[in-house]
Amino acid sequence: MPISRVRREGGGRNTADEQFENIDEVFLFVISEHIAGDPMNENIKWIKLTRYQISVAMKKLGITASRNIIRKLLKKHKFVKRKIQKKTATGNFKDRDKQFKNIERIKNEFMGSDNPILSIDTKKKEKLGNLSREGEVYCTQAIESYDHDYPYLATGTIVPHGIYDMKRNEALINIGLKHETAGSICDSIKTWWNKAGRFNYPKATEILIFCDAGGGNSYRHNIFKVELQNLTNVIGLPIRICHYPPYASKWNPIEHRVFPHVTRAMAGVKLETINDAKKLIAKTETKTGLKVLVNTTKKIYKTGITAAKEAIAKINIKTHGELAQLNYTIAPVVT
């Protein structure tokens, strides 16, 4: 037998939006003085009020609305909780689109070859020691740290450099100490080649690398090209470099395919030692099958090194296309 209705049609307590016909009007009046917006885009507005604060203000005007009703009203009027997105470029590069087209074309060419395609970058530095870190973990008791994160309380600093194999969806994170330099970056690439590259790409005749335009691998610095020359001489393969345009580092694949997942793997846990970081990073995984290998080094790299004229003269470099400064190949020197 069908179950008979317990409550008559239309029974039950009315919700706030059913009780008060002017609830939208009152809601908009309450938030009106707290709305800010983007002067460059009239469609972007935000309010810095909690649901509780809106509820209290509406109650003073005769409407009792729960925080759940406030949430519905916010959504109805297009106010959704969001984080600030780091997307606006801090500058402009006139040949930005042209270089993006170059990158896409070259990537497609290499996809059909036996050669690896790498995306490289350095993740933000991490402080070691009894310091708090963002994120949460399941634990039986709260993890305690110093009540302040002053730099002098850190026992060290690590600089994780990433090599992302775009074809195999695999990454190598090299955890170095102190600084990112052209030398440390090229050593990181050499470590990837010795630990993974030469086994996964036995028929490779060239390596394609996508990287940013600044930092230790800046296209403006000859020292990076000198270190690349030393690297190619050791591994015996030409290295083709494609720099992302200035102010476009966020489009580098490693930035969104690897680093956010590494950050999540380390979230909420203190990094007391370099081995703590190594163990946590090694646990990085994604639903798409990302695999992460971790290597550590205690080598100290000097900063501020400039390339000698003799070394620059020996660089075996070939440039490509109109944007030669961003696209070039460095091949081994035949002696």
C-alpha atoms as a PDB file:
ATOM      1  CA  MET A   1       0.000   0.000   0.000  1.00  0.00           C
ATOM      2  CA  PRO A   2       1.224   3.517  -0.750  1.00  0.00           C
ATOM      3  CA  ILE A   3       2.226   5.454   2.359  1.00  0.00           C
ATOM      4  CA  SER A   4      -0.353   8.116   3.190  1.00  0.00           C
ATOM      5  CA  ARG A   5       0.839  11.714   3.647  1.00  0.00           C
ATOM      6  CA  VAL A   6       1.693  12.672   7.209  1.00  0.00           C
ATOM      7  CA  ARG A   7       1.589  16.384   6.477  1.00  0.00           C
ATOM      8  CA  ARG A   8      -1.148  18.075   4.518  1.00  0.00           C
ATOM      9  CA  GLU A   9      -0.367  19.754   1.196  1.00  0.00           C
ATOM     10  CA  GLY A  10       1.402  23.034   1.839  1.00  0.00           C
ATOM     11  CA  GLY A  11       2.026  22.187   5.499  1.00  0.00           C
ATOM     12  CA  GLY A  12       5.223  22.904   7.380  1.00  0.00           C
ATOM     13  CA  ARG A  13       7.059  26.041   8.299  1.00  0.00           C
ATOM     14  CA  ASN A  14       7.684  28.568   5.551  1.00  0.00           C
ATOM     15  CA  THR A  15      11.269  29.480   4.769  1.00  0.00           C
ATOM     16  CA  ALA A  16      12.451  33.053   5.221  1.00  0.00           C
ATOM     17  CA  ASP A  17      12.206  33.846   1.509  1.00  0.00           C
ATOM     18  CA  GLU A  18       8.602  32.658   1.551  1.00  0.00           C
ATOM     19  CA  GLN A  19       7.748  34.609   4.716  1.00  0.00           C
ATOM     20  CA  PHE A  20       9.193  37.930   3.596  1.00  0.00           C
ATOM     21  CA  GLU A  21       8.342  39.238   0.146  1.00  0.00           C
ATOM     22  CA  ASN A  22      10.982  41.965   0.368  1.00  0.00           C
ATOM     23  CA  ILE A  23      13.849  39.730   1.518  1.00  0.00           C
ATOM     24  CA  ASP A  24      15.880  40.367  -1.659  1.00  0.00           C
ATOM     25  CA  GLU A  25      15.424  44.096  -1.336  1.00  0.00           C
ATOM     26  CA  VAL A  26      16.578  44.078   2.295  1.00  0.00           C
ATOM     27  CA  PHE A  27      19.516  41.783   1.490  1.00  0.00           C
ATOM     28  CA  LEU A  28      20.739  44.073  -1.289  1.00  0.00           C
ATOM     29  CA  PHE A  29      20.301  47.127   0.943  1.00  0.00           C
ATOM     30  CA  VAL A  30      22.421  45.525   3.697  1.00  0.00           C
ATOM     31  CA  ILE A  31      25.320  44.627   1.411  1.00  0.00           C
ATOM     32  CA  SER A  32      25.152  47.793  -0.731  1.00  0.00           C
ATOM     33  CA  GLU A  33      27.535  49.815   1.471  1.00  0.00           C
ATOM     34  CA  HIS A  34      30.019  46.952   1.625  1.00  0.00           C
ATOM     35  CA  ILE A  35      30.339  46.214  -2.102  1.00  0.00           C
ATOM     36  CA  ALA A  36      33.675  46.854  -3.765  1.00  0.00           C
ATOM     37  CA  GLY A  37      34.624  46.192  -7.344  1.00  0.00           C
ATOM     38  CA  ASP A  38      37.261  46.084 -10.031  1.00  0.00           C
ATOM     39  CA  PRO A  39      37.522  49.542 -11.667  1.00  0.00           C
ATOM     40  CA  MET A  40      38.589  47.831 -14.913  1.00  0.00           C
ATOM     41  CA  ASN A  41      35.716  45.338 -15.005  1.00  0.00           C
ATOM     42  CA  GLU A  42      32.218  46.319 -13.873  1.00  0.00           C
ATOM     43  CA  ASN A  43      31.163  42.646 -13.725  1.00  0.00           C
ATOM     44  CA  ILE A  44      33.586  41.856 -10.889  1.00  0.00           C
ATOM     45  CA  LYS A  45      32.274  42.803  -7.442  1.00  0.00           C
ATOM     46  CA  TRP A  46      32.915  41.454  -3.972  1.00  0.00           C
ATOM     47  CA  ILE A  47      31.794  41.970  -0.406  1.00  0.00           C
ATOM     48  CA  LYS A  48      33.811  41.537   2.770  1.00  0.00           C
ATOM     49  CA  LEU A  49      30.963  40.426   5.057  1.00  0.00           C
ATOM     50  CA  THR A  50      30.343  37.058   6.660  1.00  0.00           C
ATOM     51  CA  ARG A  51      26.975  35.330   6.392  1.00  0.00           C
ATOM     52  CA  TYR A  52      26.535  35.879  10.131  1.00  0.00           C
ATOM     53  CA  GLN A  53      27.123  39.631   9.797  1.00  0.00           C
ATOM     54  CA  ILE A  54      24.570  39.866   6.981  1.00  0.00           C
ATOM     55  CA  SER A  55      22.069  37.865   9.020  1.00  0.00           C
ATOM     56  CA  VAL A  56      22.470  40.183  12.051  1.00  0.00           C
ATOM     57  CA  ALA A  57      22.057  43.294   9.895  1.00  0.00           C
ATOM     58  CA  MET A  58      18.918  41.921   8.238  1.00  0.00           C
ATOM     59  CA  LYS A  59      17.426  41.008  11.621  1.00  0.00           C
ATOM     60  CA  LYS A  60      17.732  44.658  12.680  1.00  0.00           C
ATOM     61  CA  LEU A  61      15.559  45.482   9.662  1.00  0.00           C
ATOM     62  CA  GLY A  62      12.890  42.993  10.659  1.00  0.00           C
ATOM     63  CA  ILE A  63      13.903  39.893   8.674  1.00  0.00           C
ATOM     64  CA  THR A  64      15.206  36.795  10.401  1.00  0.00           C
ATOM     65  CA  ALA A  65      17.272  34.749   7.961  1.00  0.00           C
ATOM     66  CA  SER A  66      19.579  31.858   8.779  1.00  0.00           C
ATOM     67  CA  ARG A  67      23.101  31.632   7.414  1.00  0.00           C
ATOM     68  CA  ASN A  68      21.871  28.969   5.005  1.00  0.00           C
ATOM     69  CA  ILE A  69      19.288  31.407   3.592  1.00  0.00           C
ATOM     70  CA  ILE A  70      22.016  34.060   3.339  1.00  0.00           C
ATOM     71  CA  ARG A  71      24.133  31.584   1.364  1.00  0.00           C
ATOM     72  CA  LYS A  72      21.247  31.063  -1.068  1.00  0.00           C
ATOM     73  CA  LEU A  73      20.732  34.805  -1.419  1.00  0.00           C
ATOM     74  CA  LEU A  74      24.444  35.344  -2.117  1.00  0.00           C
ATOM     75  CA  LYS A  75      24.383  32.665  -4.793  1.00  0.00           C
ATOM     76  CA  LYS A  76      21.164  34.053  -6.277  1.00  0.00           C
ATOM     77  CA  HIS A  77      22.816  37.447  -6.712  1.00  0.00           C
ATOM     78  CA  LYS A  78      26.025  35.952  -8.205  1.00  0.00           C
ATOM     79  CA  PHE A  79      28.215  36.219  -5.084  1.00  0.00           C
ATOM     80  CA  VAL A  80      30.189  32.958  -4.854  1.00  0.00           C
ATOM     81  CA  LYS A  81      33.178  32.384  -2.566  1.00  0.00           C
ATOM     82  CA  ARG A  82      36.345  32.375  -4.660  1.00  0.00           C
ATOM     83  CA  LYS A  83      40.080  32.774  -4.200  1.00  0.00           C
ATOM     84  CA  ILE A  84      42.105  35.476  -5.902  1.00  0.00           C
ATOM     85  CA  GLN A  85      43.531  34.010  -9.103  1.00  0.00           C
ATOM     86  CA  LYS A  86      47.086  34.882 -10.128  1.00  0.00           C
ATOM     87  CA  LYS A  87      46.486  35.450 -13.834  1.00  0.00           C
ATOM     88  CA  THR A  88      47.088  39.116 -14.648  1.00  0.00           C
ATOM     89  CA  ALA A  89      50.527  39.603 -16.187  1.00  0.00           C
ATOM     90  CA  THR A  90      52.759  42.152 -14.462  1.00  0.00           C
ATOM     91  CA  GLY A  91      54.075  43.345 -17.823  1.00  0.00           C
ATOM     92  CA  ASN A  92      53.690  42.987 -21.559  1.00  0.00           C
ATOM     93  CA  PHE A  93      55.867  41.266 -24.164  1.00  0.00           C
ATOM     94  CA  LYS A  94      55.017  42.363 -27.683  1.00  0.00           C
ATOM     95  CA  ASP A  95      55.709  38.952 -29.294  1.00  0.00           C
ATOM     96  CA  ARG A  96      53.898  36.960 -26.620  1.00  0.00           C
ATOM     97  CA  ASP A  97      51.355  35.327 -28.956  1.00  0.00           C
ATOM     98  CA  LYS A  98      53.989  34.575 -31.568  1.00  0.00           C
ATOM     99  CA  GLN A  99      56.100  32.698 -29.022  1.00  0.00           C
ATOM    100  CA  PHE A 100      53.098  30.735 -27.753  1.00  0.00           C
ATOM    101  CA  LYS A 101      52.465  29.602 -31.331  1.00  0.00           C
ATOM    102  CA  ASN A 102      56.127  28.602 -31.649  1.00  0.00           C
ATOM    103  CA  ILE A 103      55.902  26.564 -28.468  1.00  0.00           C
ATOM    104  CA  GLU A 104      52.761  24.751 -29.631  1.00  0.00           C
ATOM    105  CA  ARG A 105      54.260  23.987 -33.043  1.00  0.00           C
ATOM    106  CA  ILE A 106      57.540  22.678 -31.651  1.00  0.00           C
ATOM    107  CA  LYS A 107      55.765  20.601 -29.014  1.00  0.00           C
ATOM    108  CA  ASN A 108      53.641  18.912 -31.685  1.00  0.00           C
ATOM    109  CA  GLU A 109      56.763  18.149 -33.721  1.00  0.00           C
ATOM    110  CA  PHE A 110      58.510  16.481 -30.782  1.00  0.00           C
ATOM    111  CA  MET A 111      55.410  14.546 -29.705  1.00  0.00           C
ATOM    112  CA  GLY A 112      55.800  12.336 -32.762  1.00  0.00           C
ATOM    113  CA  SER A 113      59.504  11.707 -32.162  1.00  0.00           C
ATOM    114  CA  ASP A 114      61.628   9.522 -29.851  1.00  0.00           C
ATOM    115  CA  ASN A 115      62.827  12.627 -28.018  1.00  0.00           C
ATOM    116  CA  PRO A 116      61.752  13.798 -24.540  1.00  0.00           C
ATOM    117  CA  ILE A 117      59.818  17.003 -23.873  1.00  0.00           C
ATOM    118  CA  LEU A 118      60.641  18.548 -20.497  1.00  0.00           C
ATOM    119  CA  SER A 119      59.085  21.405 -18.582  1.00  0.00           C
ATOM    120  CA  ILE A 120      61.400  22.749 -15.873  1.00  0.00           C
ATOM    121  CA  ASP A 121      61.099  25.293 -13.082  1.00  0.00           C
ATOM    122  CA  THR A 122      62.052  25.964  -9.477  1.00  0.00           C
ATOM    123  CA  LYS A 123      59.344  25.737  -6.831  1.00  0.00           C
ATOM    124  CA  LYS A 124      59.227  28.312  -4.059  1.00  0.00           C
ATOM    125  CA  LYS A 125      61.750  27.925  -1.273  1.00  0.00           C
ATOM    126  CA  GLU A 126      60.739  26.048   1.867  1.00  0.00           C
ATOM    127  CA  LYS A 127      62.061  26.749   5.369  1.00  0.00           C
ATOM    128  CA  LEU A 128      63.224  23.832   7.529  1.00  0.00           C
ATOM    129  CA  GLY A 129      62.653  23.644  11.275  1.00  0.00           C
ATOM    130  CA  ASN A 130      59.957  23.760  13.917  1.00  0.00           C
ATOM    131  CA  LEU A 131      57.790  26.131  11.871  1.00  0.00           C
ATOM    132  CA  SER A 132      54.077  26.054  11.051  1.00  0.00           C
ATOM    133  CA  ARG A 133      52.923  25.340   7.517  1.00  0.00           C
ATOM    134  CA  GLU A 134      49.615  25.804   5.697  1.00  0.00           C
ATOM    135  CA  GLY A 135      47.265  22.843   5.372  1.00  0.00           C
ATOM    136  CA  GLU A 136      45.644  20.243   7.593  1.00  0.00           C
ATOM    137  CA  VAL A 137      46.289  16.571   8.354  1.00  0.00           C
ATOM    138  CA  TYR A 138      44.443  13.927  10.365  1.00  0.00           C
ATOM    139  CA  CYS A 139      46.148  13.512  13.747  1.00  0.00           C
ATOM    140  CA  THR A 140      45.346  12.368  17.282  1.00  0.00           C
ATOM    141  CA  GLN A 141      46.637  15.631  18.772  1.00  0.00           C
ATOM    142  CA  ALA A 142      47.415  19.036  17.364  1.00  0.00           C
ATOM    143  CA  ILE A 143      50.925  19.423  15.948  1.00  0.00           C
ATOM    144  CA  GLU A 144      52.724  22.263  17.704  1.00  0.00           C
ATOM    145  CA  SER A 145      55.355  24.638  16.344  1.00  0.00           C
ATOM    146  CA  TYR A 146      56.876  27.979  17.249  1.00  0.00           C
ATOM    147  CA  ASP A 147      54.238  30.672  17.663  1.00  0.00           C
ATOM    148  CA  HIS A 148      56.041  32.840  15.087  1.00  0.00           C
ATOM    149  CA  ASP A 149      57.693  32.009  11.767  1.00  0.00           C
ATOM    150  CA  TYR A 150      60.634  34.376  11.978  1.00  0.00           C
ATOM    151  CA  PRO A 151      63.361  33.534   9.437  1.00  0.00           C
ATOM    152  CA  TYR A 152      66.024  33.222  12.141  1.00  0.00           C
ATOM    153  CA  LEU A 153      64.107  30.296  13.668  1.00  0.00           C
ATOM    154  CA  ALA A 154      64.596  28.208  10.513  1.00  0.00           C
ATOM    155  CA  THR A 155      67.340  25.597  10.579  1.00  0.00           C
ATOM    156  CA  GLY A 156      67.805  25.674   6.816  1.00  0.00           C
ATOM    157  CA  THR A 157      66.271  26.333   3.412  1.00  0.00           C
ATOM    158  CA  ILE A 158      65.550  23.960   0.554  1.00  0.00           C
ATOM    159  CA  VAL A 159      65.110  24.851  -3.109  1.00  0.00           C
ATOM    160  CA  PRO A 160      63.073  22.196  -4.987  1.00  0.00           C
ATOM    161  CA  HIS A 161      63.777  22.183  -8.722  1.00  0.00           C
ATOM    162  CA  GLY A 162      61.391  20.229 -10.933  1.00  0.00           C
ATOM    163  CA  ILE A 163      61.868  18.350 -14.205  1.00  0.00           C
ATOM    164  CA  TYR A 164      58.523  17.318 -15.713  1.00  0.00           C
ATOM    165  CA  ASP A 165      58.492  14.690 -18.475  1.00  0.00           C
ATOM    166  CA  MET A 166      55.411  15.761 -20.442  1.00  0.00           C
ATOM    167  CA  LYS A 167      55.210  12.560 -22.502  1.00  0.00           C
ATOM    168  CA  ARG A 168      55.333  10.141 -19.575  1.00  0.00           C
ATOM    169  CA  ASN A 169      53.579  12.317 -16.953  1.00  0.00           C
ATOM    170  CA  GLU A 170      56.527  11.822 -14.610  1.00  0.00           C
ATOM    171  CA  ALA A 171      58.537  14.317 -12.606  1.00  0.00           C
ATOM    172  CA  LEU A 172      61.862  14.478 -10.836  1.00  0.00           C
ATOM    173  CA  ILE A 173      62.147  16.926  -7.955  1.00  0.00           C
ATOM    174  CA  ASN A 174      65.716  17.815  -7.036  1.00  0.00           C
ATOM    175  CA  ILE A 175      65.922  19.230  -3.540  1.00  0.00           C
ATOM    176  CA  GLY A 176      68.910  21.543  -3.302  1.00  0.00           C
ATOM    177  CA  LEU A 177      70.070  23.897  -0.594  1.00  0.00           C
ATOM    178  CA  LYS A 178      70.020  27.690  -0.479  1.00  0.00           C
ATOM    179  CA  HIS A 179      69.962  28.962  -4.074  1.00  0.00           C
ATOM    180  CA  GLU A 180      68.754  28.459  -7.635  1.00  0.00           C
ATOM    181  CA  THR A 181      71.547  29.043 -10.159  1.00  0.00           C
ATOM    182  CA  ALA A 182      72.246  28.145 -13.775  1.00  0.00           C
ATOM    183  CA  GLY A 183      74.623  25.480 -12.484  1.00  0.00           C
ATOM    184  CA  SER A 184      72.077  23.912 -10.141  1.00  0.00           C
ATOM    185  CA  ILE A 185      69.456  23.823 -12.916  1.00  0.00           C
ATOM    186  CA  CYS A 186      71.776  22.071 -15.371  1.00  0.00           C
ATOM    187  CA  ASP A 187      72.876  19.615 -12.673  1.00  0.00           C
ATOM    188  CA  SER A 188      69.195  18.910 -12.073  1.00  0.00           C
ATOM    189  CA  ILE A 189      68.681  18.146 -15.772  1.00  0.00           C
ATOM    190  CA  LYS A 190      71.766  15.895 -15.738  1.00  0.00           C
ATOM    191  CA  THR A 191      70.379  14.022 -12.722  1.00  0.00           C
ATOM    192  CA  TRP A 192      67.102  13.446 -14.568  1.00  0.00           C
ATOM    193  CA  TRP A 193      68.960  12.148 -17.621  1.00  0.00           C
ATOM    194  CA  ASN A 194      71.112   9.738 -15.584  1.00  0.00           C
ATOM    195  CA  LYS A 195      68.251   8.464 -13.399  1.00  0.00           C
ATOM    196  CA  ALA A 196      65.409   8.327 -15.932  1.00  0.00           C
ATOM    197  CA  GLY A 197      65.953   9.955 -19.310  1.00  0.00           C
ATOM    198  CA  ARG A 198      68.568   7.664 -20.833  1.00  0.00           C
ATOM    199  CA  PHE A 199      66.524   4.596 -19.873  1.00  0.00           C
ATOM    200  CA  ASN A 200      63.144   5.932 -21.020  1.00  0.00           C
ATOM    201  CA  TYR A 201      64.456   7.484 -24.242  1.00  0.00           C
ATOM    202  CA  PRO A 202      67.253   5.204 -25.520  1.00  0.00           C
ATOM    203  CA  LYS A 203      66.728   6.401 -29.115  1.00  0.00           C
ATOM    204  CA  ALA A 204      66.728  10.113 -28.291  1.00  0.00           C
ATOM    205  CA  THR A 205      68.700  12.398 -30.567  1.00  0.00           C
ATOM    206  CA  GLU A 206      67.720  15.678 -28.871  1.00  0.00           C
ATOM    207  CA  ILE A 207      66.052  17.015 -25.711  1.00  0.00           C
ATOM    208  CA  LEU A 208      63.375  19.722 -25.822  1.00  0.00           C
ATOM    209  CA  ILE A 209      63.076  21.907 -22.730  1.00  0.00           C
ATOM    210  CA  PHE A 210      60.397  24.500 -21.939  1.00  0.00           C
ATOM    211  CA  CYS A 211      61.360  26.980 -19.236  1.00  0.00           C
ATOM    212  CA  ASP A 212      60.639  30.486 -17.976  1.00  0.00           C
ATOM    213  CA  ALA A 213      62.353  33.589 -19.301  1.00  0.00           C
ATOM    214  CA  GLY A 214      63.910  34.631 -15.991  1.00  0.00           C
ATOM    215  CA  GLY A 215      65.620  33.301 -12.895  1.00  0.00           C
ATOM    216  CA  GLY A 216      68.557  30.919 -13.118  1.00  0.00           C
ATOM    217  CA  ASN A 217      67.515  29.925 -16.652  1.00  0.00           C
ATOM    218  CA  SER A 218      67.049  33.466 -17.938  1.00  0.00           C
ATOM    219  CA  TYR A 219      67.410  33.950 -21.677  1.00  0.00           C
ATOM    220  CA  ARG A 220      69.314  37.160 -20.940  1.00  0.00           C
ATOM    221  CA  HIS A 221      72.138  35.441 -19.026  1.00  0.00           C
ATOM    222  CA  ASN A 222      75.064  33.905 -20.888  1.00  0.00           C
ATOM    223  CA  ILE A 223      75.961  31.822 -17.847  1.00  0.00           C
ATOM    224  CA  PHE A 224      72.891  29.634 -18.456  1.00  0.00           C
ATOM    225  CA  LYS A 225      74.024  28.954 -22.018  1.00  0.00           C
ATOM    226  CA  VAL A 226      77.561  28.185 -20.813  1.00  0.00           C
ATOM    227  CA  GLU A 227      76.213  25.684 -18.263  1.00  0.00           C
ATOM    228  CA  LEU A 228      73.991  24.140 -20.945  1.00  0.00           C
ATOM    229  CA  GLN A 229      77.056  23.740 -23.148  1.00  0.00           C
ATOM    230  CA  ASN A 230      78.852  21.908 -20.350  1.00  0.00           C
ATOM    231  CA  LEU A 231      75.793  19.700 -19.885  1.00  0.00           C
ATOM    232  CA  THR A 232      75.442  18.766 -23.557  1.00  0.00           C
ATOM    233  CA  ASN A 233      79.134  17.924 -23.696  1.00  0.00           C
ATOM    234  CA  VAL A 234      78.595  15.442 -20.854  1.00  0.00           C
ATOM    235  CA  ILE A 235      75.372  13.738 -21.997  1.00  0.00           C
ATOM    236  CA  GLY A 236      76.215  13.918 -25.695  1.00  0.00           C
ATOM    237  CA  LEU A 237      72.845  15.220 -26.891  1.00  0.00           C
ATOM    238  CA  PRO A 238      71.764  18.622 -28.225  1.00  0.00           C
ATOM    239  CA  ILE A 239      69.334  20.527 -26.012  1.00  0.00           C
ATOM    240  CA  ARG A 240      66.667  22.692 -27.614  1.00  0.00           C
ATOM    241  CA  ILE A 241      65.417  25.504 -25.391  1.00  0.00           C
ATOM    242  CA  CYS A 242      62.055  27.287 -25.722  1.00  0.00           C
ATOM    243  CA  HIS A 243      61.545  30.054 -23.196  1.00  0.00           C
ATOM    244  CA  TYR A 244      58.015  31.079 -22.290  1.00  0.00           C
ATOM    245  CA  PRO A 245      57.552  34.789 -22.980  1.00  0.00           C
ATOM    246  CA  PRO A 246      58.384  37.200 -20.156  1.00  0.00           C
ATOM    247  CA  TYR A 247      55.449  37.626 -17.732  1.00  0.00           C
ATOM    248  CA  ALA A 248      53.971  34.255 -18.827  1.00  0.00           C
ATOM    249  CA  SER A 249      55.629  31.792 -16.449  1.00  0.00           C
ATOM    250  CA  LYS A 250      52.260  30.516 -15.175  1.00  0.00           C
ATOM    251  CA  TRP A 251      51.708  28.807 -18.541  1.00  0.00           C
ATOM    252  CA  ASN A 252      54.745  26.587 -18.054  1.00  0.00           C
ATOM    253  CA  PRO A 253      53.158  23.074 -17.739  1.00  0.00           C
ATOM    254  CA  ILE A 254      55.063  22.101 -14.586  1.00  0.00           C
ATOM    255  CA  GLU A 255      53.399  25.019 -12.784  1.00  0.00           C
ATOM    256  CA  HIS A 256      49.946  23.440 -12.913  1.00  0.00           C
ATOM    257  CA  ARG A 257      50.634  19.745 -13.574  1.00  0.00           C
ATOM    258  CA  VAL A 258      53.191  19.106 -10.815  1.00  0.00           C
ATOM    259  CA  PHE A 259      53.816  21.872  -8.287  1.00  0.00           C
ATOM    260  CA  PRO A 260      50.253  22.193  -6.877  1.00  0.00           C
ATOM    261  CA  HIS A 261      50.239  18.444  -6.169  1.00  0.00           C
ATOM    262  CA  VAL A 262      53.677  18.608  -4.528  1.00  0.00           C
ATOM    263  CA  THR A 263      52.417  21.452  -2.340  1.00  0.00           C
ATOM    264  CA  ARG A 264      49.388  19.378  -1.335  1.00  0.00           C
ATOM    265  CA  ALA A 265      51.597  16.398  -0.462  1.00  0.00           C
ATOM    266  CA  MET A 266      53.579  18.573   1.984  1.00  0.00           C
ATOM    267  CA  ALA A 267      50.623  20.505   3.410  1.00  0.00           C
ATOM    268  CA  GLY A 268      50.094  20.639   7.156  1.00  0.00           C
ATOM    269  CA  VAL A 269      53.332  18.869   8.114  1.00  0.00           C
ATOM    270  CA  LYS A 270      56.502  20.389   9.561  1.00  0.00           C
ATOM    271  CA  LEU A 271      59.654  20.071   7.497  1.00  0.00           C
ATOM    272  CA  GLU A 272      62.240  19.482  10.193  1.00  0.00           C
ATOM    273  CA  THR A 273      64.877  18.044   7.843  1.00  0.00           C
ATOM    274  CA  ILE A 274      65.581  17.669   4.141  1.00  0.00           C
ATOM    275  CA  ASN A 275      64.590  13.994   4.443  1.00  0.00           C
ATOM    276  CA  ASP A 276      61.140  15.006   5.728  1.00  0.00           C
ATOM    277  CA  ALA A 277      60.626  16.980   2.526  1.00  0.00           C
ATOM    278  CA  LYS A 278      61.947  14.089   0.420  1.00  0.00           C
ATOM    279  CA  LYS A 279      59.539  11.551   1.951  1.00  0.00           C
ATOM    280  CA  LEU A 280      56.506  13.823   1.586  1.00  0.00           C
ATOM    281  CA  ILE A 281      57.245  14.871  -2.004  1.00  0.00           C
ATOM    282  CA  ALA A 282      57.747  11.216  -2.974  1.00  0.00           C
ATOM    283  CA  LYS A 283      54.116  10.580  -1.986  1.00  0.00           C
ATOM    284  CA  THR A 284      52.822  13.041  -4.592  1.00  0.00           C
ATOM    285  CA  GLU A 285      50.220  11.468  -6.848  1.00  0.00           C
ATOM    286  CA  THR A 286      47.213  12.406  -8.946  1.00  0.00           C
ATOM    287  CA  LYS A 287      44.202  10.663 -10.444  1.00  0.00           C
ATOM    288  CA  THR A 288      45.827  11.042 -13.866  1.00  0.00           C
ATOM    289  CA  GLY A 289      48.777   8.903 -12.759  1.00  0.00           C
ATOM    290  CA  LEU A 290      51.501  11.472 -12.056  1.00  0.00           C
ATOM    291  CA  LYS A 291      54.643   9.828 -10.668  1.00  0.00           C
ATOM    292  CA  VAL A 292      57.301  11.775  -8.774  1.00  0.00           C
ATOM    293  CA  LEU A 293      60.909  10.788  -8.143  1.00  0.00           C
ATOM    294  CA  VAL A 294      62.912  12.739  -5.567  1.00  0.00           C
ATOM    295  CA  ASN A 295      66.630  13.426  -5.402  1.00  0.00           C
ATOM    296  CA  THR A 296      68.581  15.429  -2.825  1.00  0.00           C
ATOM    297  CA  THR A 297      71.898  17.209  -3.063  1.00  0.00           C
ATOM    298  CA  LYS A 298      74.109  18.986  -0.555  1.00  0.00           C
ATOM    299  CA  LYS A 299      76.188  20.738  -3.203  1.00  0.00           C
ATOM    300  CA  ILE A 300      76.556  24.445  -2.552  1.00  0.00           C
ATOM    301  CA  TYR A 301      76.206  26.701  -5.600  1.00  0.00           C
ATOM    302  CA  LYS A 302      77.763  30.141  -5.708  1.00  0.00           C
ATOM    303  CA  THR A 303      75.602  33.038  -6.847  1.00  0.00           C
ATOM    304  CA  GLY A 304      76.564  36.048  -8.935  1.00  0.00           C
ATOM    305  CA  ILE A 305      78.815  34.076 -11.295  1.00  0.00           C
ATOM    306  CA  THR A 306      79.247  35.622 -14.738  1.00  0.00           C
ATOM    307  CA  ALA A 307      80.316  33.862 -17.906  1.00  0.00           C
ATOM    308  CA  ALA A 308      83.884  34.325 -19.117  1.00  0.00           C
ATOM    309  CA  LYS A 309      84.342  35.620 -22.658  1.00  0.00           C
ATOM    310  CA  GLU A 310      86.324  32.516 -23.581  1.00  0.00           C
ATOM    311  CA  ALA A 311      83.479  30.252 -22.445  1.00  0.00           C
ATOM    312  CA  ILE A 312      80.875  32.291 -24.322  1.00  0.00           C
ATOM    313  CA  ALA A 313      82.931  32.086 -27.513  1.00  0.00           C
ATOM    314  CA  LYS A 314      82.900  28.279 -27.297  1.00  0.00           C
ATOM    315  CA  ILE A 315      79.085  27.931 -27.105  1.00  0.00           C
ATOM    316  CA  ASN A 316      77.869  25.814 -30.026  1.00  0.00           C
ATOM    317  CA  ILE A 317      74.500  27.522 -30.436  1.00  0.00           C
ATOM    318  CA  LYS A 318      71.972  27.630 -33.246  1.00  0.00           C
ATOM    319  CA  THR A 319      69.038  30.044 -33.032  1.00  0.00           C
ATOM    320  CA  HIS A 320      65.565  29.447 -34.489  1.00  0.00           C
ATOM    321  CA  GLY A 321      63.145  31.860 -36.179  1.00  0.00           C
ATOM    322  CA  GLU A 322      62.518  35.530 -35.550  1.00  0.00           C
ATOM    323  CA  LEU A 323      62.497  35.237 -31.744  1.00  0.00           C
ATOM    324  CA  ALA A 324      66.051  33.923 -31.645  1.00  0.00           C
ATOM    325  CA  GLN A 325      66.594  35.048 -28.053  1.00  0.00           C
ATOM    326  CA  LEU A 326      63.841  32.687 -26.864  1.00  0.00           C
ATOM    327  CA  ASN A 327      64.456  29.742 -29.203  1.00  0.00           C
ATOM    328  CA  TYR A 328      67.819  28.075 -29.633  1.00  0.00           C
ATOM    329  CA  THR A 329      69.652  24.754 -29.602  1.00  0.00           C
ATOM    330  CA  ILE A 330      72.975  24.099 -27.915  1.00  0.00           C
ATOM    331  CA  ALA A 331      74.818  21.037 -29.213  1.00  0.00           C
ATOM    332  CA  PRO A 332      77.902  19.205 -27.937  1.00  0.00           C
ATOM    333  CA  VAL A 333      81.242  20.616 -28.991  1.00  0.00           C
ATOM    334  CA  VAL A 334      83.119  18.127 -31.155  1.00  0.00           C
ATOM    335  CA  THR A 335      86.777  18.040 -30.199  1.00  0.00           C
END
